Amino acid sequence: MSRTRHRRRSAAQPAPGEDDAVRADAQVTTCATTGLPVTARVLFAVVNSSGLLVRGLGAAAANRLAPGMYQVVFDQDVTAAGYVGTVGLPGSVGVAPSGKIAVAGRTGIPNAVFVSTYAVDGTAADRPFHLAVLA
């Protein structure tokens, strides 16, 4: 009879190999030849679990509305944009807490996005996140 063991995953990232940085540098490209319209913009926001805007591009403000509920305001109308969110630390090192995220346009505010974050079990929970808006 076999036993299944639950293994705890390490919270630290593995160290990069010797040529990982070289390979990554070789992959750097630009969007110059993709034919994006001149009006296209990629906006982003990095928000901590308290609702503070840590950094961003085109992001004007962020705030926590209730447990697990946030609003991120941008410097332009984003109603026709695409939104992509992920639970992620506000810094550049480490691994984010487990959780889920949902993003949608903010009702009644055309230049804002509504973000909901959840614990793994689906209950509302404050989580730091990264939000990209493809406008």
Protein backbone atom coordinates (compact mmCIF):
# COMPACT_ATOMS: atom_id res chain seq x y z
CA MET A 1 0.00 0.00 0.00
CA SER A 2 1.45 3.32 -1.01
CA ARG A 3 1.27 6.45 1.06
CA THR A 4 0.82 9.89 -0.35
CA ARG A 5 2.85 12.45 1.51
CA HIS A 6 2.02 16.09 1.50
CA ARG A 7 5.17 18.04 0.80
CA ARG A 8 5.39 21.66 1.68
CA ARG A 9 6.67 23.78 -1.15
CA SER A 10 9.57 26.08 -0.48
CA ALA A 11 8.61 29.75 -0.28
CA ALA A 12 11.94 30.85 -1.76
CA GLN A 13 12.71 31.06 -5.46
CA PRO A 14 15.45 28.78 -6.78
CA ALA A 15 18.75 30.51 -7.57
CA PRO A 16 19.29 31.21 -11.29
CA GLY A 17 21.82 29.11 -13.17
CA GLU A 18 25.00 30.56 -14.60
CA ASP A 19 23.64 31.17 -18.10
CA ASP A 20 20.02 31.98 -17.17
CA ALA A 21 20.69 35.75 -17.21
CA VAL A 22 22.48 35.49 -20.55
CA ARG A 23 19.55 33.59 -22.10
CA ALA A 24 17.08 36.11 -20.64
CA ASP A 25 19.04 39.05 -22.06
CA ALA A 26 19.01 37.40 -25.49
CA GLN A 27 15.20 37.30 -25.39
CA VAL A 28 14.72 41.05 -24.88
CA THR A 29 12.66 42.51 -27.72
CA THR A 30 10.56 45.59 -28.34
CA CYS A 31 7.01 46.14 -29.54
CA ALA A 32 8.20 48.48 -32.31
CA THR A 33 7.50 46.01 -35.11
CA THR A 34 4.22 44.50 -33.87
CA GLY A 35 1.99 47.11 -35.47
CA LEU A 36 0.37 48.41 -32.29
CA PRO A 37 -1.73 51.50 -32.82
CA VAL A 38 -0.05 54.74 -31.82
CA THR A 39 -2.70 55.27 -29.14
CA ALA A 40 -2.05 51.91 -27.44
CA ARG A 41 -0.84 52.05 -23.85
CA VAL A 42 0.01 49.47 -21.28
CA LEU A 43 -0.83 50.74 -17.82
CA PHE A 44 0.01 48.96 -14.60
CA ALA A 45 -0.29 49.21 -10.84
CA VAL A 46 1.35 47.37 -7.98
CA VAL A 47 -0.75 47.64 -4.82
CA ASN A 48 -0.02 46.37 -1.32
CA SER A 49 -2.62 44.54 0.79
CA SER A 50 -3.56 47.79 2.57
CA GLY A 51 -4.55 49.37 -0.75
CA LEU A 52 -1.52 51.64 -1.11
CA LEU A 53 -0.29 52.21 -4.68
CA VAL A 54 3.38 51.18 -4.50
CA ARG A 55 4.29 51.91 -8.12
CA GLY A 56 2.71 52.02 -11.53
CA LEU A 57 2.50 53.53 -14.98
CA GLY A 58 -0.56 55.66 -15.64
CA ALA A 59 -1.89 54.68 -12.22
CA ALA A 60 -3.10 57.71 -10.26
CA ALA A 61 -4.33 56.14 -7.02
CA ALA A 62 -5.43 52.96 -5.30
CA ASN A 63 -7.42 52.29 -2.17
CA ARG A 64 -8.92 49.44 -0.19
CA LEU A 65 -12.72 49.60 -0.13
CA ALA A 66 -13.41 46.62 2.17
CA PRO A 67 -11.68 43.33 3.03
CA GLY A 68 -10.39 41.95 -0.28
CA MET A 69 -11.89 44.81 -2.33
CA TYR A 70 -9.83 47.52 -4.02
CA GLN A 71 -10.17 50.30 -6.55
CA VAL A 72 -7.32 51.39 -8.83
CA VAL A 73 -7.68 54.72 -10.65
CA PHE A 74 -5.78 55.47 -13.87
CA ASP A 75 -5.08 58.68 -15.78
CA GLN A 76 -7.35 57.74 -18.70
CA ASP A 77 -10.64 56.02 -19.51
CA VAL A 78 -10.13 52.23 -19.29
CA THR A 79 -13.67 51.03 -20.07
CA ALA A 80 -12.62 49.52 -23.42
CA ALA A 81 -9.37 48.03 -22.06
CA GLY A 82 -8.41 44.51 -21.06
CA TYR A 83 -7.52 43.85 -17.41
CA VAL A 84 -5.10 41.26 -16.07
CA GLY A 85 -4.49 40.80 -12.35
CA THR A 86 -2.36 38.52 -10.25
CA VAL A 87 -1.67 38.18 -6.56
CA GLY A 88 1.89 39.42 -6.13
CA LEU A 89 4.17 41.05 -3.62
CA PRO A 90 4.66 44.81 -3.77
CA GLY A 91 8.45 44.37 -3.77
CA SER A 92 10.59 42.68 -6.40
CA VAL A 93 11.76 39.71 -4.34
CA GLY A 94 9.93 36.82 -2.72
CA VAL A 95 6.82 34.77 -3.28
CA ALA A 96 3.31 36.16 -2.81
CA PRO A 97 0.83 34.62 -0.40
CA SER A 98 -1.52 32.09 -1.99
CA GLY A 99 -4.78 33.51 -3.16
CA LYS A 100 -7.12 34.33 -6.00
CA ILE A 101 -7.97 37.56 -7.80
CA ALA A 102 -10.77 38.91 -9.97
CA VAL A 103 -10.71 42.18 -11.94
CA ALA A 104 -13.43 44.21 -13.66
CA GLY A 105 -14.17 47.73 -14.75
CA ARG A 106 -15.25 49.94 -11.84
CA THR A 107 -18.96 50.67 -11.90
CA GLY A 108 -19.57 54.38 -12.42
CA ILE A 109 -15.89 55.36 -12.72
CA PRO A 110 -14.61 55.04 -16.32
CA ASN A 111 -10.94 55.47 -15.41
CA ALA A 112 -10.88 52.86 -12.61
CA VAL A 113 -10.66 49.09 -12.18
CA PHE A 114 -12.29 47.07 -9.39
CA VAL A 115 -10.14 44.29 -7.89
CA SER A 116 -11.29 41.52 -5.54
CA THR A 117 -8.79 39.27 -3.77
CA TYR A 118 -9.48 36.01 -1.97
CA ALA A 119 -7.82 33.41 0.22
CA VAL A 120 -7.34 29.97 -1.33
CA ASP A 121 -10.66 28.82 0.14
CA GLY A 122 -12.53 31.62 -1.69
CA THR A 123 -13.21 33.91 1.26
CA ALA A 124 -12.48 37.62 0.80
CA ALA A 125 -8.94 38.38 1.98
CA ASP A 126 -6.53 41.28 1.65
CA ARG A 127 -3.78 40.34 -0.79
CA PRO A 128 -1.12 42.45 -2.55
CA PHE A 129 -1.51 42.41 -6.32
CA HIS A 130 -0.22 43.47 -9.70
CA LEU A 131 -2.70 44.84 -12.24
CA ALA A 132 -2.06 45.38 -15.95
CA VAL A 133 -4.47 47.36 -18.11
CA LEU A 134 -4.15 47.03 -21.86
CA ALA A 135 -5.74 50.17 -23.24
